[in-house]
């Protein structure tokens, strides 16, 4: 994972024209949630990958183009978000967990 930057995760060194990037931040009550887990599920609901969030709540996946579900697991909360990823675009996702 890259360090936090003002606009989110740094894309320095990544040729986004050749990649399909899904990234974002997990928060609760406006505060980042570090140590949560974000799972990447394919269009059929099959588990593909999982990453922990950074101390600043950030996560990133490199995926194939298509429809994905992000399942965020944190103490006291599980939340699914649907995202459509396309090659050459960065899909930014904000996951706001319930208080």
PDB file of N, CA and C in Angstrom:
ATOM      1  N   UNK A   1       0.854  -1.177   0.000  1.00  0.00           N
ATOM      2  CA  UNK A   1       0.000   0.000   0.000  1.00  0.00           C
ATOM      3  C   UNK A   1       0.900   1.240   0.000  1.00  0.00           C
ATOM      4  N   UNK A   2       0.463   2.236  -0.661  1.00  0.00           N
ATOM      5  CA  UNK A   2       1.189   3.500  -0.695  1.00  0.00           C
ATOM      6  C   UNK A   2       0.757   4.350   0.482  1.00  0.00           C
ATOM      7  N   UNK A   3       1.547   5.321   0.838  1.00  0.00           N
ATOM      8  CA  UNK A   3       1.177   6.236   1.904  1.00  0.00           C
ATOM      9  C   UNK A   3       0.050   7.154   1.485  1.00  0.00           C
ATOM     10  N   UNK A   4      -0.560   7.760   2.453  1.00  0.00           N
ATOM     11  CA  UNK A   4      -1.687   8.651   2.181  1.00  0.00           C
ATOM     12  C   UNK A   4      -1.204   9.945   1.546  1.00  0.00           C
ATOM     13  N   UNK A   5      -1.965  10.420   0.585  1.00  0.00           N
ATOM     14  CA  UNK A   5      -1.702  11.719  -0.007  1.00  0.00           C
ATOM     15  C   UNK A   5      -2.980  12.534   0.100  1.00  0.00           C
ATOM     16  N   UNK A   6      -2.890  13.808  -0.158  1.00  0.00           N
ATOM     17  CA  UNK A   6      -4.053  14.686  -0.001  1.00  0.00           C
ATOM     18  C   UNK A   6      -5.245  14.230  -0.827  1.00  0.00           C
ATOM     19  N   UNK A   7      -5.012  13.695  -2.028  1.00  0.00           N
ATOM     20  CA  UNK A   7      -6.105  13.274  -2.888  1.00  0.00           C
ATOM     21  C   UNK A   7      -6.409  11.798  -2.817  1.00  0.00           C
ATOM     22  N   UNK A   8      -5.875  11.093  -1.837  1.00  0.00           N
ATOM     23  CA  UNK A   8      -6.066   9.648  -1.739  1.00  0.00           C
ATOM     24  C   UNK A   8      -4.746   8.948  -1.961  1.00  0.00           C
ATOM     25  N   UNK A   9      -4.821   7.665  -2.306  1.00  0.00           N
ATOM     26  CA  UNK A   9      -3.614   6.891  -2.548  1.00  0.00           C
ATOM     27  C   UNK A   9      -2.850   7.433  -3.745  1.00  0.00           C
ATOM     28  N   UNK A  10      -1.542   7.456  -3.627  1.00  0.00           N
ATOM     29  CA  UNK A  10      -0.699   7.927  -4.721  1.00  0.00           C
ATOM     30  C   UNK A  10      -0.729   6.934  -5.880  1.00  0.00           C
ATOM     31  N   UNK A  11      -0.814   7.445  -7.091  1.00  0.00           N
ATOM     32  CA  UNK A  11      -0.763   6.612  -8.290  1.00  0.00           C
ATOM     33  C   UNK A  11       0.590   6.715  -8.972  1.00  0.00           C
ATOM     34  N   UNK A  12       1.549   7.298  -8.289  1.00  0.00           N
ATOM     35  CA  UNK A  12       2.891   7.447  -8.842  1.00  0.00           C
ATOM     36  C   UNK A  12       3.466   6.074  -9.170  1.00  0.00           C
ATOM     37  N   UNK A  13       3.998   5.948 -10.381  1.00  0.00           N
ATOM     38  CA  UNK A  13       4.600   4.698 -10.808  1.00  0.00           C
ATOM     39  C   UNK A  13       3.614   3.676 -11.355  1.00  0.00           C
ATOM     40  N   UNK A  14       2.328   4.002 -11.386  1.00  0.00           N
ATOM     41  CA  UNK A  14       1.321   3.081 -11.910  1.00  0.00           C
ATOM     42  C   UNK A  14       0.823   3.616 -13.241  1.00  0.00           C
ATOM     43  N   UNK A  15       0.923   2.795 -14.272  1.00  0.00           N
ATOM     44  CA  UNK A  15       0.413   3.180 -15.584  1.00  0.00           C
ATOM     45  C   UNK A  15      -1.076   2.839 -15.606  1.00  0.00           C
ATOM     46  N   UNK A  16      -1.899   3.802 -15.209  1.00  0.00           N
ATOM     47  CA  UNK A  16      -3.336   3.540 -15.079  1.00  0.00           C
ATOM     48  C   UNK A  16      -3.996   3.230 -16.429  1.00  0.00           C
ATOM     49  N   UNK A  17      -3.355   3.563 -17.536  1.00  0.00           N
ATOM     50  CA  UNK A  17      -3.942   3.221 -18.834  1.00  0.00           C
ATOM     51  C   UNK A  17      -3.923   1.714 -19.069  1.00  0.00           C
ATOM     52  N   UNK A  18      -3.054   0.993 -18.373  1.00  0.00           N
ATOM     53  CA  UNK A  18      -2.923  -0.455 -18.540  1.00  0.00           C
ATOM     54  C   UNK A  18      -3.498  -1.236 -17.367  1.00  0.00           C
ATOM     55  N   UNK A  19      -3.996  -0.554 -16.358  1.00  0.00           N
ATOM     56  CA  UNK A  19      -4.466  -1.211 -15.141  1.00  0.00           C
ATOM     57  C   UNK A  19      -5.946  -0.925 -14.894  1.00  0.00           C
ATOM     58  N   UNK A  20      -6.554  -1.787 -14.109  1.00  0.00           N
ATOM     59  CA  UNK A  20      -7.904  -1.581 -13.604  1.00  0.00           C
ATOM     60  C   UNK A  20      -7.762  -1.475 -12.091  1.00  0.00           C
ATOM     61  N   UNK A  21      -7.947  -0.278 -11.559  1.00  0.00           N
ATOM     62  CA  UNK A  21      -7.663   0.000 -10.153  1.00  0.00           C
ATOM     63  C   UNK A  21      -8.968   0.297  -9.413  1.00  0.00           C
ATOM     64  N   UNK A  22      -9.130  -0.385  -8.276  1.00  0.00           N
ATOM     65  CA  UNK A  22     -10.232  -0.099  -7.351  1.00  0.00           C
ATOM     66  C   UNK A  22      -9.565   0.281  -6.038  1.00  0.00           C
ATOM     67  N   UNK A  23      -9.841   1.483  -5.582  1.00  0.00           N
ATOM     68  CA  UNK A  23      -9.218   1.936  -4.340  1.00  0.00           C
ATOM     69  C   UNK A  23     -10.173   2.852  -3.601  1.00  0.00           C
ATOM     70  N   UNK A  24      -9.863   3.068  -2.345  1.00  0.00           N
ATOM     71  CA  UNK A  24     -10.715   3.958  -1.575  1.00  0.00           C
ATOM     72  C   UNK A  24     -10.316   4.028  -0.121  1.00  0.00           C
ATOM     73  N   UNK A  25     -11.280   4.481   0.676  1.00  0.00           N
ATOM     74  CA  UNK A  25     -11.035   4.664   2.101  1.00  0.00           C
ATOM     75  C   UNK A  25     -12.257   4.187   2.881  1.00  0.00           C
ATOM     76  N   UNK A  26     -11.984   3.577   4.029  1.00  0.00           N
ATOM     77  CA  UNK A  26     -13.038   3.122   4.939  1.00  0.00           C
ATOM     78  C   UNK A  26     -13.049   4.075   6.125  1.00  0.00           C
ATOM     79  N   UNK A  27     -14.249   4.567   6.461  1.00  0.00           N
ATOM     80  CA  UNK A  27     -14.362   5.499   7.593  1.00  0.00           C
ATOM     81  C   UNK A  27     -15.590   5.159   8.430  1.00  0.00           C
ATOM     82  N   UNK A  28     -15.589   5.681   9.644  1.00  0.00           N
ATOM     83  CA  UNK A  28     -16.731   5.587  10.554  1.00  0.00           C
ATOM     84  C   UNK A  28     -16.801   6.921  11.279  1.00  0.00           C
ATOM     85  N   UNK A  29     -17.952   7.545  11.244  1.00  0.00           N
ATOM     86  CA  UNK A  29     -18.130   8.867  11.868  1.00  0.00           C
ATOM     87  C   UNK A  29     -17.101   9.872  11.363  1.00  0.00           C
ATOM     88  N   UNK A  30     -16.753   9.778  10.078  1.00  0.00           N
ATOM     89  CA  UNK A  30     -15.813  10.717   9.479  1.00  0.00           C
ATOM     90  C   UNK A  30     -14.356  10.464   9.801  1.00  0.00           C
ATOM     91  N   UNK A  31     -14.064   9.382  10.538  1.00  0.00           N
ATOM     92  CA  UNK A  31     -12.684   9.055  10.902  1.00  0.00           C
ATOM     93  C   UNK A  31     -12.240   7.799  10.160  1.00  0.00           C
ATOM     94  N   UNK A  32     -10.984   7.754   9.683  1.00  0.00           N
ATOM     95  CA  UNK A  32     -10.510   6.568   8.971  1.00  0.00           C
ATOM     96  C   UNK A  32     -10.504   5.348   9.887  1.00  0.00           C
ATOM     97  N   UNK A  33     -10.771   4.187   9.296  1.00  0.00           N
ATOM     98  CA  UNK A  33     -10.773   2.928  10.042  1.00  0.00           C
ATOM     99  C   UNK A  33      -9.593   2.090   9.549  1.00  0.00           C
ATOM    100  N   UNK A  34      -8.529   2.067  10.328  1.00  0.00           N
ATOM    101  CA  UNK A  34      -7.383   1.227  10.023  1.00  0.00           C
ATOM    102  C   UNK A  34      -7.608  -0.173  10.552  1.00  0.00           C
ATOM    103  N   UNK A  35      -7.030  -1.164   9.883  1.00  0.00           N
ATOM    104  CA  UNK A  35      -7.123  -2.535  10.351  1.00  0.00           C
ATOM    105  C   UNK A  35      -8.426  -3.244  10.015  1.00  0.00           C
ATOM    106  N   UNK A  36      -9.290  -2.599   9.233  1.00  0.00           N
ATOM    107  CA  UNK A  36     -10.475  -3.296   8.719  1.00  0.00           C
ATOM    108  C   UNK A  36     -10.007  -4.157   7.547  1.00  0.00           C
ATOM    109  N   UNK A  37     -10.853  -5.051   7.094  1.00  0.00           N
ATOM    110  CA  UNK A  37     -10.521  -5.864   5.933  1.00  0.00           C
ATOM    111  C   UNK A  37     -11.517  -5.572   4.820  1.00  0.00           C
ATOM    112  N   UNK A  38     -10.997  -5.460   3.605  1.00  0.00           N
ATOM    113  CA  UNK A  38     -11.845  -5.246   2.437  1.00  0.00           C
ATOM    114  C   UNK A  38     -11.634  -6.442   1.517  1.00  0.00           C
ATOM    115  N   UNK A  39     -12.734  -7.120   1.211  1.00  0.00           N
ATOM    116  CA  UNK A  39     -12.689  -8.277   0.318  1.00  0.00           C
ATOM    117  C   UNK A  39     -13.211  -7.881  -1.056  1.00  0.00           C
ATOM    118  N   UNK A  40     -12.619  -8.480  -2.074  1.00  0.00           N
ATOM    119  CA  UNK A  40     -13.035  -8.268  -3.446  1.00  0.00           C
ATOM    120  C   UNK A  40     -13.739  -9.539  -3.903  1.00  0.00           C
ATOM    121  N   UNK A  41     -15.032  -9.403  -4.234  1.00  0.00           N
ATOM    122  CA  UNK A  41     -15.839 -10.535  -4.689  1.00  0.00           C
ATOM    123  C   UNK A  41     -16.211 -10.307  -6.146  1.00  0.00           C
ATOM    124  N   UNK A  42     -16.121 -11.361  -6.957  1.00  0.00           N
ATOM    125  CA  UNK A  42     -16.436 -11.209  -8.373  1.00  0.00           C
ATOM    126  C   UNK A  42     -17.944 -11.134  -8.598  1.00  0.00           C
ATOM    127  N   UNK A  43     -18.359 -11.074  -9.858  1.00  0.00           N
ATOM    128  CA  UNK A  43     -19.763 -10.910 -10.204  1.00  0.00           C
ATOM    129  C   UNK A  43     -20.669 -12.027  -9.722  1.00  0.00           C
ATOM    130  N   UNK A  44     -20.079 -13.202  -9.406  1.00  0.00           N
ATOM    131  CA  UNK A  44     -20.874 -14.317  -8.894  1.00  0.00           C
ATOM    132  C   UNK A  44     -20.803 -14.418  -7.375  1.00  0.00           C
ATOM    133  N   UNK A  45     -20.094 -13.477  -6.742  1.00  0.00           N
ATOM    134  CA  UNK A  45     -19.961 -13.498  -5.285  1.00  0.00           C
ATOM    135  C   UNK A  45     -18.781 -14.305  -4.779  1.00  0.00           C
ATOM    136  N   UNK A  46     -17.956 -14.821  -5.705  1.00  0.00           N
ATOM    137  CA  UNK A  46     -16.788 -15.602  -5.309  1.00  0.00           C
ATOM    138  C   UNK A  46     -15.675 -14.697  -4.776  1.00  0.00           C
ATOM    139  N   UNK A  47     -15.051 -15.141  -3.685  1.00  0.00           N
ATOM    140  CA  UNK A  47     -13.920 -14.433  -3.089  1.00  0.00           C
ATOM    141  C   UNK A  47     -12.768 -14.409  -4.076  1.00  0.00           C
ATOM    142  N   UNK A  48     -12.173 -13.215  -4.270  1.00  0.00           N
ATOM    143  CA  UNK A  48     -11.038 -13.053  -5.171  1.00  0.00           C
ATOM    144  C   UNK A  48      -9.786 -12.601  -4.428  1.00  0.00           C
ATOM    145  N   UNK A  49      -9.944 -11.638  -3.518  1.00  0.00           N
ATOM    146  CA  UNK A  49      -8.794 -11.100  -2.800  1.00  0.00           C
ATOM    147  C   UNK A  49      -9.268 -10.390  -1.542  1.00  0.00           C
ATOM    148  N   UNK A  50      -8.313 -10.137  -0.642  1.00  0.00           N
ATOM    149  CA  UNK A  50      -8.613  -9.398   0.586  1.00  0.00           C
ATOM    150  C   UNK A  50      -7.378  -8.598   0.977  1.00  0.00           C
ATOM    151  N   UNK A  51      -7.599  -7.356   1.420  1.00  0.00           N
ATOM    152  CA  UNK A  51      -6.507  -6.528   1.921  1.00  0.00           C
ATOM    153  C   UNK A  51      -6.957  -5.844   3.211  1.00  0.00           C
ATOM    154  N   UNK A  52      -6.014  -5.610   4.133  1.00  0.00           N
ATOM    155  CA  UNK A  52      -6.344  -4.800   5.299  1.00  0.00           C
ATOM    156  C   UNK A  52      -6.247  -3.324   4.936  1.00  0.00           C
ATOM    157  N   UNK A  53      -7.020  -2.490   5.604  1.00  0.00           N
ATOM    158  CA  UNK A  53      -6.890  -1.053   5.385  1.00  0.00           C
ATOM    159  C   UNK A  53      -5.652  -0.553   6.114  1.00  0.00           C
ATOM    160  N   UNK A  54      -5.078   0.501   5.576  1.00  0.00           N
ATOM    161  CA  UNK A  54      -3.917   1.129   6.212  1.00  0.00           C
ATOM    162  C   UNK A  54      -4.373   1.887   7.460  1.00  0.00           C
ATOM    163  N   UNK A  55      -3.449   2.456   8.176  1.00  0.00           N
ATOM    164  CA  UNK A  55      -3.779   3.255   9.365  1.00  0.00           C
ATOM    165  C   UNK A  55      -4.678   4.432   9.012  1.00  0.00           C
ATOM    166  N   UNK A  56      -4.646   4.853   7.738  1.00  0.00           N
ATOM    167  CA  UNK A  56      -5.487   5.961   7.289  1.00  0.00           C
ATOM    168  C   UNK A  56      -6.751   5.458   6.584  1.00  0.00           C
ATOM    169  N   UNK A  57      -7.063   4.161   6.741  1.00  0.00           N
ATOM    170  CA  UNK A  57      -8.292   3.599   6.208  1.00  0.00           C
ATOM    171  C   UNK A  57      -8.275   3.296   4.725  1.00  0.00           C
ATOM    172  N   UNK A  58      -7.124   3.371   4.077  1.00  0.00           N
ATOM    173  CA  UNK A  58      -7.058   3.234   2.624  1.00  0.00           C
ATOM    174  C   UNK A  58      -6.800   1.790   2.185  1.00  0.00           C
ATOM    175  N   UNK A  59      -7.287   1.471   0.991  1.00  0.00           N
ATOM    176  CA  UNK A  59      -7.084   0.156   0.394  1.00  0.00           C
ATOM    177  C   UNK A  59      -6.976   0.302  -1.119  1.00  0.00           C
ATOM    178  N   UNK A  60      -6.416  -0.739  -1.772  1.00  0.00           N
ATOM    179  CA  UNK A  60      -6.297  -0.731  -3.232  1.00  0.00           C
ATOM    180  C   UNK A  60      -6.286  -2.164  -3.744  1.00  0.00           C
ATOM    181  N   UNK A  61      -7.003  -2.360  -4.867  1.00  0.00           N
ATOM    182  CA  UNK A  61      -6.965  -3.622  -5.602  1.00  0.00           C
ATOM    183  C   UNK A  61      -6.631  -3.335  -7.051  1.00  0.00           C
ATOM    184  N   UNK A  62      -5.920  -4.277  -7.678  1.00  0.00           N
ATOM    185  CA  UNK A  62      -5.749  -4.300  -9.123  1.00  0.00           C
ATOM    186  C   UNK A  62      -6.625  -5.461  -9.579  1.00  0.00           C
ATOM    187  N   UNK A  63      -7.608  -5.188 -10.399  1.00  0.00           N
ATOM    188  CA  UNK A  63      -8.606  -6.192 -10.762  1.00  0.00           C
ATOM    189  C   UNK A  63      -8.811  -6.221 -12.269  1.00  0.00           C
ATOM    190  N   UNK A  64      -9.578  -7.198 -12.700  1.00  0.00           N
ATOM    191  CA  UNK A  64      -9.992  -7.243 -14.105  1.00  0.00           C
ATOM    192  C   UNK A  64     -11.175  -6.293 -14.277  1.00  0.00           C
ATOM    193  N   UNK A  65     -11.375  -5.780 -15.479  1.00  0.00           N
ATOM    194  CA  UNK A  65     -12.555  -4.950 -15.709  1.00  0.00           C
ATOM    195  C   UNK A  65     -13.833  -5.756 -15.431  1.00  0.00           C
ATOM    196  N   UNK A  66     -14.839  -5.077 -14.896  1.00  0.00           N
ATOM    197  CA  UNK A  66     -16.110  -5.750 -14.661  1.00  0.00           C
ATOM    198  C   UNK A  66     -16.809  -5.268 -13.407  1.00  0.00           C
ATOM    199  N   UNK A  67     -17.835  -6.036 -13.017  1.00  0.00           N
ATOM    200  CA  UNK A  67     -18.621  -5.721 -11.828  1.00  0.00           C
ATOM    201  C   UNK A  67     -18.045  -6.470 -10.632  1.00  0.00           C
ATOM    202  N   UNK A  68     -17.840  -5.746  -9.549  1.00  0.00           N
ATOM    203  CA  UNK A  68     -17.242  -6.303  -8.345  1.00  0.00           C
ATOM    204  C   UNK A  68     -18.051  -5.881  -7.127  1.00  0.00           C
ATOM    205  N   UNK A  69     -17.922  -6.652  -6.064  1.00  0.00           N
ATOM    206  CA  UNK A  69     -18.471  -6.266  -4.771  1.00  0.00           C
ATOM    207  C   UNK A  69     -17.315  -6.116  -3.801  1.00  0.00           C
ATOM    208  N   UNK A  70     -17.298  -5.005  -3.087  1.00  0.00           N
ATOM    209  CA  UNK A  70     -16.341  -4.802  -2.011  1.00  0.00           C
ATOM    210  C   UNK A  70     -17.072  -5.099  -0.710  1.00  0.00           C
ATOM    211  N   UNK A  71     -16.581  -6.072   0.039  1.00  0.00           N
ATOM    212  CA  UNK A  71     -17.166  -6.399   1.342  1.00  0.00           C
ATOM    213  C   UNK A  71     -16.191  -5.934   2.413  1.00  0.00           C
ATOM    214  N   UNK A  72     -16.617  -4.951   3.194  1.00  0.00           N
ATOM    215  CA  UNK A  72     -15.777  -4.397   4.247  1.00  0.00           C
ATOM    216  C   UNK A  72     -16.162  -5.032   5.572  1.00  0.00           C
ATOM    217  N   UNK A  73     -15.155  -5.545   6.273  1.00  0.00           N
ATOM    218  CA  UNK A  73     -15.341  -6.193   7.569  1.00  0.00           C
ATOM    219  C   UNK A  73     -14.563  -5.406   8.615  1.00  0.00           C
ATOM    220  N   UNK A  74     -15.279  -4.893   9.597  1.00  0.00           N
ATOM    221  CA  UNK A  74     -14.663  -4.128  10.682  1.00  0.00           C
ATOM    222  C   UNK A  74     -15.399  -4.496  11.959  1.00  0.00           C
ATOM    223  N   UNK A  75     -14.807  -4.246  13.122  1.00  0.00           N
ATOM    224  CA  UNK A  75     -15.507  -4.564  14.360  1.00  0.00           C
ATOM    225  C   UNK A  75     -16.904  -3.940  14.389  1.00  0.00           C
ATOM    226  N   UNK A  76     -17.909  -4.790  14.550  1.00  0.00           N
ATOM    227  CA  UNK A  76     -19.280  -4.305  14.654  1.00  0.00           C
ATOM    228  C   UNK A  76     -19.953  -3.966  13.349  1.00  0.00           C
ATOM    229  N   UNK A  77     -19.304  -4.218  12.199  1.00  0.00           N
ATOM    230  CA  UNK A  77     -19.926  -3.831  10.922  1.00  0.00           C
ATOM    231  C   UNK A  77     -19.407  -4.671   9.765  1.00  0.00           C
ATOM    232  N   UNK A  78     -20.327  -5.004   8.872  1.00  0.00           N
ATOM    233  CA  UNK A  78     -20.008  -5.598   7.577  1.00  0.00           C
ATOM    234  C   UNK A  78     -20.832  -4.824   6.557  1.00  0.00           C
ATOM    235  N   UNK A  79     -20.170  -4.343   5.510  1.00  0.00           N
ATOM    236  CA  UNK A  79     -20.870  -3.515   4.526  1.00  0.00           C
ATOM    237  C   UNK A  79     -20.414  -3.893   3.124  1.00  0.00           C
ATOM    238  N   UNK A  80     -21.369  -4.116   2.225  1.00  0.00           N
ATOM    239  CA  UNK A  80     -21.071  -4.414   0.827  1.00  0.00           C
ATOM    240  C   UNK A  80     -21.309  -3.175  -0.024  1.00  0.00           C
ATOM    241  N   UNK A  81     -20.405  -2.956  -0.983  1.00  0.00           N
ATOM    242  CA  UNK A  81     -20.550  -1.879  -1.968  1.00  0.00           C
ATOM    243  C   UNK A  81     -20.269  -2.469  -3.334  1.00  0.00           C
ATOM    244  N   UNK A  82     -21.075  -2.121  -4.321  1.00  0.00           N
ATOM    245  CA  UNK A  82     -20.874  -2.574  -5.694  1.00  0.00           C
ATOM    246  C   UNK A  82     -20.061  -1.531  -6.440  1.00  0.00           C
ATOM    247  N   UNK A  83     -19.135  -2.012  -7.262  1.00  0.00           N
ATOM    248  CA  UNK A  83     -18.315  -1.101  -8.052  1.00  0.00           C
ATOM    249  C   UNK A  83     -18.140  -1.694  -9.448  1.00  0.00           C
ATOM    250  N   UNK A  84     -18.159  -0.826 -10.450  1.00  0.00           N
ATOM    251  CA  UNK A  84     -17.888  -1.231 -11.826  1.00  0.00           C
ATOM    252  C   UNK A  84     -16.497  -0.701 -12.158  1.00  0.00           C
ATOM    253  N   UNK A  85     -15.605  -1.615 -12.489  1.00  0.00           N
ATOM    254  CA  UNK A  85     -14.222  -1.241 -12.763  1.00  0.00           C
ATOM    255  C   UNK A  85     -13.940  -1.333 -14.255  1.00  0.00           C
ATOM    256  N   UNK A  86     -13.187  -0.365 -14.758  1.00  0.00           N
ATOM    257  CA  UNK A  86     -12.827  -0.338 -16.178  1.00  0.00           C
ATOM    258  C   UNK A  86     -11.333  -0.105 -16.323  1.00  0.00           C
ATOM    259  N   UNK A  87     -10.739  -0.777 -17.284  1.00  0.00           N
ATOM    260  CA  UNK A  87      -9.317  -0.570 -17.547  1.00  0.00           C
ATOM    261  C   UNK A  87      -9.090   0.878 -17.938  1.00  0.00           C
ATOM    262  N   UNK A  88      -8.024   1.451 -17.400  1.00  0.00           N
ATOM    263  CA  UNK A  88      -7.690   2.837 -17.717  1.00  0.00           C
ATOM    264  C   UNK A  88      -8.371   3.843 -16.816  1.00  0.00           C
ATOM    265  N   UNK A  89      -9.182   3.363 -15.877  1.00  0.00           N
ATOM    266  CA  UNK A  89      -9.853   4.259 -14.935  1.00  0.00           C
ATOM    267  C   UNK A  89      -9.585   3.796 -13.512  1.00  0.00           C
ATOM    268  N   UNK A  90      -9.547   4.752 -12.609  1.00  0.00           N
ATOM    269  CA  UNK A  90      -9.415   4.449 -11.189  1.00  0.00           C
ATOM    270  C   UNK A  90     -10.794   4.568 -10.572  1.00  0.00           C
ATOM    271  N   UNK A  91     -11.291   3.469 -10.021  1.00  0.00           N
ATOM    272  CA  UNK A  91     -12.582   3.479  -9.344  1.00  0.00           C
ATOM    273  C   UNK A  91     -12.346   3.838  -7.890  1.00  0.00           C
ATOM    274  N   UNK A  92     -12.747   5.049  -7.489  1.00  0.00           N
ATOM    275  CA  UNK A  92     -12.600   5.522  -6.112  1.00  0.00           C
ATOM    276  C   UNK A  92     -13.854   5.190  -5.336  1.00  0.00           C
ATOM    277  N   UNK A  93     -13.693   4.515  -4.199  1.00  0.00           N
ATOM    278  CA  UNK A  93     -14.840   4.091  -3.394  1.00  0.00           C
ATOM    279  C   UNK A  93     -14.661   4.591  -1.964  1.00  0.00           C
ATOM    280  N   UNK A  94     -15.688   5.257  -1.472  1.00  0.00           N
ATOM    281  CA  UNK A  94     -15.717   5.678  -0.077  1.00  0.00           C
ATOM    282  C   UNK A  94     -16.685   4.758   0.653  1.00  0.00           C
ATOM    283  N   UNK A  95     -16.193   4.080   1.676  1.00  0.00           N
ATOM    284  CA  UNK A  95     -17.000   3.168   2.461  1.00  0.00           C
ATOM    285  C   UNK A  95     -17.218   3.801   3.833  1.00  0.00           C
ATOM    286  N   UNK A  96     -18.445   4.232   4.091  1.00  0.00           N
ATOM    287  CA  UNK A  96     -18.783   4.842   5.389  1.00  0.00           C
ATOM    288  C   UNK A  96     -19.526   3.797   6.218  1.00  0.00           C
ATOM    289  N   UNK A  97     -18.851   3.291   7.247  1.00  0.00           N
ATOM    290  CA  UNK A  97     -19.454   2.295   8.116  1.00  0.00           C
ATOM    291  C   UNK A  97     -20.450   2.939   9.061  1.00  0.00           C
ATOM    292  N   UNK A  98     -21.490   2.198   9.440  1.00  0.00           N
ATOM    293  CA  UNK A  98     -22.452   2.742  10.400  1.00  0.00           C
ATOM    294  C   UNK A  98     -21.795   2.943  11.763  1.00  0.00           C
ATOM    295  N   UNK A  99     -22.271   3.923  12.493  1.00  0.00           N
ATOM    296  CA  UNK A  99     -21.690   4.238  13.814  1.00  0.00           C
ATOM    297  C   UNK A  99     -21.942   3.135  14.806  1.00  0.00           C
TER     298      UNK A  99
END
